[in-house]
N, C-alpha and C. Protein backbone atom coordinates (compact mmCIF):
# COMPACT_ATOMS: atom_id res chain seq x y z
N MET A 1 87.09 106.17 97.69
CA MET A 1 87.74 107.42 98.01
C MET A 1 86.69 108.52 98.07
N CYS A 2 86.82 109.40 99.05
CA CYS A 2 85.87 110.50 99.21
C CYS A 2 86.06 111.52 98.10
N PRO A 3 85.00 112.24 97.74
CA PRO A 3 85.12 113.26 96.71
C PRO A 3 86.18 114.28 97.08
N GLY A 4 86.97 114.67 96.10
CA GLY A 4 87.96 115.72 96.33
C GLY A 4 89.25 115.25 96.96
N ILE A 5 89.41 113.95 97.20
CA ILE A 5 90.64 113.43 97.81
C ILE A 5 91.27 112.45 96.84
N GLY A 6 92.50 112.65 96.53
CA GLY A 6 93.15 111.71 95.63
C GLY A 6 94.44 112.23 95.06
N ALA A 7 94.58 112.07 93.74
CA ALA A 7 95.84 112.41 93.08
C ALA A 7 96.26 113.85 93.31
N LYS A 8 95.32 114.77 93.31
CA LYS A 8 95.64 116.18 93.54
C LYS A 8 96.25 116.38 94.92
N ASP A 9 95.74 115.63 95.93
CA ASP A 9 96.30 115.74 97.27
C ASP A 9 97.75 115.29 97.27
N LEU A 10 98.05 114.20 96.54
CA LEU A 10 99.43 113.74 96.46
C LEU A 10 100.30 114.77 95.75
N GLU A 11 99.79 115.35 94.66
CA GLU A 11 100.55 116.37 93.94
C GLU A 11 100.81 117.56 94.85
N HIS A 12 99.79 117.96 95.60
CA HIS A 12 99.90 119.11 96.49
C HIS A 12 100.93 118.86 97.59
N ALA A 13 101.10 117.59 97.97
CA ALA A 13 102.01 117.26 99.05
C ALA A 13 103.47 117.44 98.66
N GLY A 14 103.76 117.47 97.40
CA GLY A 14 105.13 117.75 96.99
C GLY A 14 105.97 116.51 96.75
N ASN A 15 107.19 116.73 96.33
CA ASN A 15 108.09 115.66 95.94
C ASN A 15 108.62 114.84 97.11
N SER A 16 108.59 115.37 98.33
CA SER A 16 109.14 114.64 99.47
C SER A 16 108.15 113.62 100.02
N PHE A 17 106.99 113.49 99.44
CA PHE A 17 105.89 112.67 99.94
C PHE A 17 105.79 111.41 99.08
N VAL A 18 106.12 110.25 99.64
CA VAL A 18 106.15 109.01 98.88
C VAL A 18 105.26 107.98 99.56
N GLU A 19 104.35 107.39 98.78
CA GLU A 19 103.50 106.33 99.34
C GLU A 19 104.26 105.00 99.31
N ILE A 20 104.12 104.24 100.37
CA ILE A 20 104.81 102.96 100.53
C ILE A 20 103.79 101.82 100.39
N ASP A 21 104.17 100.77 99.69
CA ASP A 21 103.33 99.59 99.56
C ASP A 21 103.28 98.87 100.91
N LEU A 22 102.08 98.64 101.44
CA LEU A 22 101.94 97.99 102.74
C LEU A 22 102.60 96.62 102.80
N ALA A 23 102.67 95.94 101.66
CA ALA A 23 103.28 94.61 101.62
C ALA A 23 104.78 94.66 101.89
N THR A 24 105.39 95.84 101.76
CA THR A 24 106.83 95.96 101.96
C THR A 24 107.21 96.50 103.35
N VAL A 25 106.22 96.72 104.20
CA VAL A 25 106.47 97.28 105.53
C VAL A 25 107.27 96.29 106.36
N GLU A 26 108.39 96.76 106.92
CA GLU A 26 109.26 95.90 107.71
C GLU A 26 109.41 96.34 109.16
N ASP A 27 109.19 97.62 109.45
CA ASP A 27 109.38 98.10 110.81
C ASP A 27 108.43 97.35 111.74
N ARG A 28 108.95 96.75 112.80
CA ARG A 28 108.15 95.91 113.69
C ARG A 28 107.00 96.67 114.32
N ARG A 29 107.16 97.98 114.55
CA ARG A 29 106.08 98.77 115.14
C ARG A 29 104.93 98.93 114.15
N ASP A 30 105.27 99.22 112.89
CA ASP A 30 104.24 99.33 111.86
C ASP A 30 103.53 98.00 111.66
N VAL A 31 104.28 96.92 111.63
CA VAL A 31 103.70 95.58 111.45
C VAL A 31 102.75 95.28 112.61
N TRP A 32 103.14 95.62 113.83
CA TRP A 32 102.29 95.38 114.99
C TRP A 32 100.99 96.18 114.87
N ILE A 33 101.08 97.47 114.53
CA ILE A 33 99.90 98.33 114.41
C ILE A 33 98.97 97.79 113.33
N LEU A 34 99.51 97.39 112.17
CA LEU A 34 98.68 96.84 111.10
C LEU A 34 97.93 95.59 111.55
N ASP A 35 98.62 94.70 112.24
CA ASP A 35 98.00 93.47 112.72
C ASP A 35 96.93 93.79 113.78
N TYR A 36 97.25 94.69 114.69
CA TYR A 36 96.30 95.10 115.74
C TYR A 36 95.04 95.68 115.10
N TRP A 37 95.21 96.60 114.15
CA TRP A 37 94.07 97.23 113.48
C TRP A 37 93.23 96.17 112.76
N ALA A 38 93.88 95.26 112.05
CA ALA A 38 93.17 94.23 111.28
C ALA A 38 92.33 93.32 112.17
N ASN A 39 92.72 93.17 113.43
CA ASN A 39 92.02 92.26 114.33
C ASN A 39 91.08 92.95 115.31
N LEU A 40 90.89 94.26 115.17
CA LEU A 40 89.94 94.97 116.03
C LEU A 40 88.51 94.60 115.64
N PRO A 41 87.58 94.56 116.62
CA PRO A 41 86.17 94.30 116.30
C PRO A 41 85.60 95.39 115.38
N ARG A 42 84.65 95.00 114.55
CA ARG A 42 84.03 95.93 113.62
C ARG A 42 82.51 95.86 113.72
N ALA A 43 81.89 97.05 113.62
CA ALA A 43 80.43 97.12 113.55
C ALA A 43 80.01 97.44 112.12
N GLY A 44 80.98 97.53 111.23
CA GLY A 44 80.80 97.83 109.82
C GLY A 44 82.11 97.51 109.13
N ALA A 45 82.47 98.32 108.15
CA ALA A 45 83.71 98.07 107.41
C ALA A 45 84.96 98.39 108.23
N LEU A 46 84.82 99.30 109.21
CA LEU A 46 85.98 99.78 109.97
C LEU A 46 85.79 99.60 111.47
N PRO A 47 86.91 99.44 112.19
CA PRO A 47 86.81 99.39 113.66
C PRO A 47 86.53 100.78 114.24
N SER A 48 85.99 100.79 115.45
CA SER A 48 85.67 102.03 116.14
C SER A 48 86.87 102.52 116.96
N PRO A 49 87.02 103.83 117.12
CA PRO A 49 88.09 104.34 117.99
C PRO A 49 88.01 103.81 119.41
N LYS A 50 86.80 103.48 119.87
CA LYS A 50 86.65 103.01 121.24
C LYS A 50 87.34 101.66 121.49
N HIS A 51 87.69 100.95 120.42
CA HIS A 51 88.35 99.65 120.57
C HIS A 51 89.87 99.76 120.72
N ILE A 52 90.42 100.95 120.55
CA ILE A 52 91.85 101.13 120.75
C ILE A 52 92.11 101.22 122.25
N ASP A 53 92.89 100.29 122.77
CA ASP A 53 93.19 100.28 124.20
C ASP A 53 94.70 100.40 124.38
N PRO A 54 95.16 101.52 124.95
CA PRO A 54 96.60 101.71 125.15
C PRO A 54 97.26 100.56 125.94
N LEU A 55 96.49 99.88 126.78
CA LEU A 55 97.04 98.76 127.54
C LEU A 55 97.39 97.57 126.65
N ASP A 56 96.79 97.52 125.45
CA ASP A 56 97.09 96.45 124.49
C ASP A 56 98.39 96.70 123.74
N ILE A 57 98.84 97.94 123.72
CA ILE A 57 99.97 98.34 122.88
C ILE A 57 101.29 98.08 123.60
N PRO A 58 102.21 97.35 122.98
CA PRO A 58 103.49 97.05 123.62
C PRO A 58 104.27 98.32 123.97
N PRO A 59 105.03 98.27 125.06
CA PRO A 59 105.79 99.44 125.52
C PRO A 59 106.77 100.00 124.48
N ASP A 60 107.28 99.16 123.58
CA ASP A 60 108.21 99.67 122.58
C ASP A 60 107.50 100.29 121.37
N VAL A 61 106.18 100.15 121.28
CA VAL A 61 105.38 100.74 120.21
C VAL A 61 104.69 102.01 120.69
N LEU A 62 104.23 102.00 121.92
CA LEU A 62 103.43 103.09 122.49
C LEU A 62 104.02 104.49 122.30
N PRO A 63 105.31 104.71 122.47
CA PRO A 63 105.85 106.07 122.31
C PRO A 63 105.74 106.63 120.89
N TYR A 64 105.47 105.78 119.91
CA TYR A 64 105.45 106.19 118.50
C TYR A 64 104.04 106.33 117.93
N ILE A 65 103.02 106.08 118.73
CA ILE A 65 101.66 106.12 118.19
C ILE A 65 101.07 107.52 118.21
N PHE A 66 100.03 107.69 117.41
CA PHE A 66 99.27 108.93 117.39
C PHE A 66 97.83 108.63 117.06
N LYS A 67 96.96 109.57 117.43
CA LYS A 67 95.56 109.56 117.01
C LYS A 67 95.25 110.96 116.50
N VAL A 68 94.58 111.01 115.36
CA VAL A 68 94.17 112.27 114.75
C VAL A 68 92.68 112.19 114.50
N SER A 69 91.90 113.11 115.09
CA SER A 69 90.46 113.11 114.81
C SER A 69 90.22 113.70 113.43
N VAL A 70 89.18 113.19 112.78
CA VAL A 70 88.80 113.63 111.44
C VAL A 70 87.38 114.18 111.53
N GLU A 71 87.22 115.45 111.18
CA GLU A 71 85.92 116.10 111.20
C GLU A 71 85.59 116.54 109.78
N TRP A 72 84.47 116.04 109.26
CA TRP A 72 84.09 116.28 107.87
C TRP A 72 83.20 117.52 107.76
N THR A 73 83.55 118.42 106.83
CA THR A 73 82.74 119.60 106.54
C THR A 73 82.66 119.75 105.03
N ASP A 74 81.44 119.69 104.48
CA ASP A 74 81.24 119.81 103.04
C ASP A 74 82.12 118.83 102.26
N GLY A 75 82.24 117.60 102.76
CA GLY A 75 82.99 116.56 102.06
C GLY A 75 84.49 116.65 102.20
N ARG A 76 84.99 117.61 102.96
CA ARG A 76 86.43 117.77 103.16
C ARG A 76 86.76 117.52 104.63
N PRO A 77 87.87 116.82 104.90
CA PRO A 77 88.21 116.52 106.29
C PRO A 77 89.04 117.64 106.94
N GLY A 78 88.83 117.80 108.23
CA GLY A 78 89.67 118.65 109.06
C GLY A 78 90.28 117.75 110.14
N PHE A 79 91.42 118.15 110.70
CA PHE A 79 92.16 117.25 111.58
C PHE A 79 92.60 117.94 112.86
N VAL A 80 92.60 117.17 113.96
CA VAL A 80 93.11 117.62 115.25
C VAL A 80 93.87 116.45 115.87
N TYR A 81 95.07 116.73 116.38
CA TYR A 81 95.85 115.69 117.07
C TYR A 81 95.22 115.41 118.42
N ARG A 82 94.84 114.15 118.66
CA ARG A 82 94.21 113.76 119.92
C ARG A 82 95.18 113.02 120.84
N LEU A 83 96.21 112.45 120.27
CA LEU A 83 97.22 111.73 121.06
C LEU A 83 98.53 111.75 120.29
N SER A 84 99.59 112.04 120.98
CA SER A 84 100.92 112.03 120.39
C SER A 84 101.85 111.33 121.37
N GLY A 85 102.44 110.22 120.95
CA GLY A 85 103.31 109.44 121.83
C GLY A 85 104.51 110.23 122.33
N THR A 86 105.10 109.74 123.39
CA THR A 86 106.21 110.46 124.03
C THR A 86 107.42 110.63 123.11
N GLN A 87 107.69 109.66 122.25
CA GLN A 87 108.82 109.80 121.33
C GLN A 87 108.54 110.88 120.29
N LEU A 88 107.28 111.01 119.89
CA LEU A 88 106.91 112.05 118.93
C LEU A 88 107.05 113.42 119.58
N THR A 89 106.61 113.54 120.82
CA THR A 89 106.77 114.80 121.55
C THR A 89 108.24 115.17 121.66
N LYS A 90 109.07 114.19 121.90
CA LYS A 90 110.52 114.42 121.98
C LYS A 90 111.07 114.89 120.63
N GLU A 91 110.67 114.23 119.56
CA GLU A 91 111.15 114.60 118.22
C GLU A 91 110.68 116.00 117.83
N TYR A 92 109.42 116.33 118.16
CA TYR A 92 108.87 117.64 117.81
C TYR A 92 109.35 118.73 118.75
N ASP A 93 109.90 118.32 119.89
CA ASP A 93 110.38 119.25 120.91
C ASP A 93 109.23 120.03 121.55
N ARG A 94 108.03 119.43 121.52
CA ARG A 94 106.86 120.03 122.15
C ARG A 94 105.68 119.07 122.03
N GLU A 95 104.65 119.34 122.82
CA GLU A 95 103.42 118.55 122.80
C GLU A 95 102.48 119.12 121.74
N ILE A 96 101.88 118.26 120.92
CA ILE A 96 100.96 118.73 119.87
C ILE A 96 99.53 118.29 120.10
N THR A 97 99.28 117.48 121.14
CA THR A 97 97.93 117.01 121.43
C THR A 97 96.99 118.20 121.59
N GLY A 98 95.85 118.13 120.90
CA GLY A 98 94.85 119.20 120.94
C GLY A 98 95.04 120.25 119.86
N MET A 99 96.11 120.16 119.10
CA MET A 99 96.40 121.14 118.05
C MET A 99 95.99 120.62 116.67
N THR A 100 95.69 121.54 115.77
CA THR A 100 95.49 121.19 114.36
C THR A 100 96.87 121.09 113.71
N PRO A 101 96.98 120.41 112.58
CA PRO A 101 98.26 120.41 111.88
C PRO A 101 98.75 121.83 111.55
N ARG A 102 97.83 122.73 111.19
CA ARG A 102 98.21 124.11 110.87
C ARG A 102 98.86 124.79 112.09
N ALA A 103 98.29 124.59 113.27
CA ALA A 103 98.83 125.20 114.48
C ALA A 103 100.14 124.53 114.91
N ALA A 104 100.19 123.21 114.78
CA ALA A 104 101.37 122.47 115.23
C ALA A 104 102.56 122.63 114.30
N PHE A 105 102.28 122.68 113.00
CA PHE A 105 103.35 122.71 111.99
C PHE A 105 103.01 123.73 110.91
N PRO A 106 103.05 125.02 111.23
CA PRO A 106 102.58 126.04 110.29
C PRO A 106 103.35 126.10 108.97
N ASN A 107 104.56 125.60 108.93
CA ASN A 107 105.34 125.67 107.69
C ASN A 107 105.14 124.50 106.75
N HIS A 108 104.48 123.45 107.20
CA HIS A 108 104.26 122.31 106.30
C HIS A 108 102.98 121.54 106.58
N PHE A 109 101.99 122.20 107.16
CA PHE A 109 100.73 121.52 107.49
C PHE A 109 100.02 120.98 106.25
N GLU A 110 100.20 121.63 105.09
CA GLU A 110 99.50 121.17 103.88
C GLU A 110 99.91 119.76 103.50
N GLU A 111 101.21 119.44 103.61
CA GLU A 111 101.67 118.09 103.31
C GLU A 111 101.06 117.08 104.28
N LEU A 112 101.05 117.43 105.55
CA LEU A 112 100.49 116.53 106.55
C LEU A 112 99.01 116.29 106.31
N GLU A 113 98.27 117.36 106.09
CA GLU A 113 96.83 117.24 105.87
C GLU A 113 96.52 116.46 104.59
N ALA A 114 97.34 116.62 103.57
CA ALA A 114 97.12 115.85 102.33
C ALA A 114 97.23 114.36 102.60
N GLY A 115 98.23 113.96 103.38
CA GLY A 115 98.38 112.54 103.73
C GLY A 115 97.23 112.03 104.57
N TYR A 116 96.80 112.82 105.55
CA TYR A 116 95.66 112.42 106.38
C TYR A 116 94.39 112.30 105.54
N ALA A 117 94.19 113.23 104.62
CA ALA A 117 93.00 113.21 103.76
C ALA A 117 92.97 111.95 102.90
N ILE A 118 94.11 111.57 102.38
CA ILE A 118 94.18 110.36 101.56
C ILE A 118 93.82 109.13 102.41
N ALA A 119 94.40 109.03 103.60
CA ALA A 119 94.13 107.88 104.46
C ALA A 119 92.66 107.84 104.88
N ALA A 120 92.09 108.98 105.21
CA ALA A 120 90.68 109.02 105.62
C ALA A 120 89.76 108.68 104.45
N GLY A 121 90.10 109.12 103.27
CA GLY A 121 89.28 108.88 102.10
C GLY A 121 89.31 107.45 101.61
N ARG A 122 90.42 106.78 101.78
CA ARG A 122 90.55 105.40 101.29
C ARG A 122 89.88 104.38 102.19
N GLN A 123 89.76 104.68 103.45
CA GLN A 123 89.18 103.77 104.42
C GLN A 123 89.96 102.46 104.54
N ARG A 124 91.25 102.56 104.40
CA ARG A 124 92.13 101.41 104.62
C ARG A 124 93.49 101.95 105.06
N PRO A 125 94.32 101.13 105.69
CA PRO A 125 95.64 101.62 106.12
C PRO A 125 96.46 102.16 104.95
N THR A 126 97.19 103.21 105.24
CA THR A 126 98.02 103.89 104.26
C THR A 126 99.33 104.25 104.94
N ILE A 127 100.43 104.15 104.21
CA ILE A 127 101.71 104.53 104.80
C ILE A 127 102.47 105.43 103.82
N HIS A 128 103.03 106.50 104.36
CA HIS A 128 103.80 107.47 103.57
C HIS A 128 105.16 107.67 104.19
N ARG A 129 106.12 108.01 103.37
CA ARG A 129 107.43 108.43 103.83
C ARG A 129 107.63 109.85 103.31
N TYR A 130 108.12 110.71 104.15
CA TYR A 130 108.31 112.11 103.76
C TYR A 130 109.37 112.76 104.64
N HIS A 131 109.80 113.92 104.22
CA HIS A 131 110.75 114.72 104.99
C HIS A 131 109.99 115.54 106.02
N LEU A 132 110.32 115.36 107.28
CA LEU A 132 109.69 116.12 108.36
C LEU A 132 110.64 117.23 108.79
N PRO A 133 110.21 118.47 108.68
CA PRO A 133 111.06 119.54 109.20
C PRO A 133 110.92 119.60 110.71
N VAL A 134 111.91 119.11 111.42
CA VAL A 134 111.89 119.11 112.87
C VAL A 134 112.28 120.50 113.35
N LEU A 135 111.55 121.00 114.35
CA LEU A 135 111.77 122.36 114.83
C LEU A 135 113.24 122.63 115.14
N ASN A 136 113.74 123.72 114.60
CA ASN A 136 115.11 124.18 114.85
C ASN A 136 116.18 123.18 114.44
N ARG A 137 115.81 122.22 113.60
CA ARG A 137 116.78 121.24 113.12
C ARG A 137 116.53 120.99 111.65
N GLU A 138 117.37 120.16 111.06
CA GLU A 138 117.21 119.84 109.65
C GLU A 138 116.04 118.88 109.45
N TYR A 139 115.67 118.73 108.18
CA TYR A 139 114.64 117.76 107.83
C TYR A 139 115.16 116.35 108.10
N LYS A 140 114.24 115.46 108.44
CA LYS A 140 114.62 114.06 108.57
C LYS A 140 113.51 113.21 107.97
N TRP A 141 113.87 112.04 107.47
CA TRP A 141 112.89 111.13 106.91
C TRP A 141 112.06 110.51 108.02
N VAL A 142 110.76 110.44 107.80
CA VAL A 142 109.86 109.75 108.71
C VAL A 142 108.92 108.88 107.89
N GLN A 143 108.39 107.88 108.55
CA GLN A 143 107.42 107.00 107.91
C GLN A 143 106.17 107.04 108.78
N ARG A 144 105.02 107.33 108.15
CA ARG A 144 103.77 107.52 108.88
C ARG A 144 102.74 106.51 108.41
N LEU A 145 102.37 105.60 109.31
CA LEU A 145 101.31 104.63 109.07
C LEU A 145 100.02 105.19 109.64
N MET A 146 98.96 105.19 108.85
CA MET A 146 97.66 105.71 109.28
C MET A 146 96.58 104.66 109.02
N CYS A 147 95.87 104.27 110.09
CA CYS A 147 94.79 103.30 109.99
C CYS A 147 93.48 103.99 110.33
N PRO A 148 92.48 103.89 109.46
CA PRO A 148 91.21 104.58 109.70
C PRO A 148 90.34 103.88 110.73
N LEU A 149 89.64 104.70 111.51
CA LEU A 149 88.67 104.22 112.50
C LEU A 149 87.36 104.97 112.28
N ALA A 150 86.25 104.33 112.60
CA ALA A 150 84.94 104.94 112.38
C ALA A 150 83.99 104.55 113.50
N SER A 151 83.48 105.54 114.22
CA SER A 151 82.55 105.26 115.33
C SER A 151 81.31 104.53 114.84
N ASP A 152 80.86 104.84 113.62
CA ASP A 152 79.68 104.18 113.05
C ASP A 152 80.04 102.99 112.16
N GLY A 153 81.33 102.66 112.08
CA GLY A 153 81.78 101.54 111.27
C GLY A 153 81.99 101.89 109.81
N GLU A 154 81.62 103.10 109.38
CA GLU A 154 81.70 103.48 107.97
C GLU A 154 82.42 104.81 107.71
N THR A 155 82.04 105.87 108.43
CA THR A 155 82.60 107.21 108.18
C THR A 155 83.83 107.43 109.05
N VAL A 156 84.98 107.59 108.44
CA VAL A 156 86.23 107.75 109.18
C VAL A 156 86.15 109.01 110.04
N ASP A 157 86.34 108.83 111.35
CA ASP A 157 86.37 109.98 112.25
C ASP A 157 87.65 110.03 113.09
N MET A 158 88.55 109.07 112.84
CA MET A 158 89.84 109.10 113.51
C MET A 158 90.85 108.29 112.71
N LEU A 159 92.09 108.74 112.75
CA LEU A 159 93.21 107.97 112.20
C LEU A 159 94.10 107.57 113.37
N PHE A 160 94.48 106.32 113.38
CA PHE A 160 95.35 105.77 114.42
C PHE A 160 96.58 105.25 113.73
N GLY A 161 97.74 105.57 114.25
CA GLY A 161 98.92 105.09 113.55
C GLY A 161 100.19 105.22 114.34
N CYS A 162 101.26 105.13 113.58
CA CYS A 162 102.60 105.06 114.13
C CYS A 162 103.52 105.90 113.25
N LEU A 163 104.35 106.70 113.88
CA LEU A 163 105.34 107.50 113.16
C LEU A 163 106.70 106.97 113.54
N THR A 164 107.46 106.51 112.55
CA THR A 164 108.79 105.97 112.81
C THR A 164 109.83 106.77 112.03
N PHE A 165 111.07 106.58 112.43
CA PHE A 165 112.16 107.36 111.86
C PHE A 165 113.20 106.40 111.28
N PRO A 166 112.92 105.94 110.02
CA PRO A 166 113.79 104.91 109.42
C PRO A 166 115.21 105.41 109.15
């Protein structure tokens, strides 16, 4: 785990933020993403973002995927949405690609960033369930799988995953 990322991030995320044991994952999209990530080529401990090929992703999974770039400054990660599937755009009622969590979700970016920081710091897949405040609507439960990627095989510079609505 990277310095400064851990239990405090979970505490900061609040009571609606629950970590899920990967062994209990049942959603077929999450299972597919986990298997895909596990079988990607590696030049070190982690696969590179360049190995993610949208043509490999089944049509029923593709609308739920996302990519978040991770930029490290003084040991702390910063995040920018690089890809947001069409179902996510529909749920958010807008496109978030190119935005930071703060810009995309100003009322709850801290929870999102805490989850991303944990996933980036662990260097292994992580899944969380939390309440997502959907724009102009009530909160709804979502499940977010995040798999770390590293251009150099070691330092996480992207998270690839799937957001589902159980």
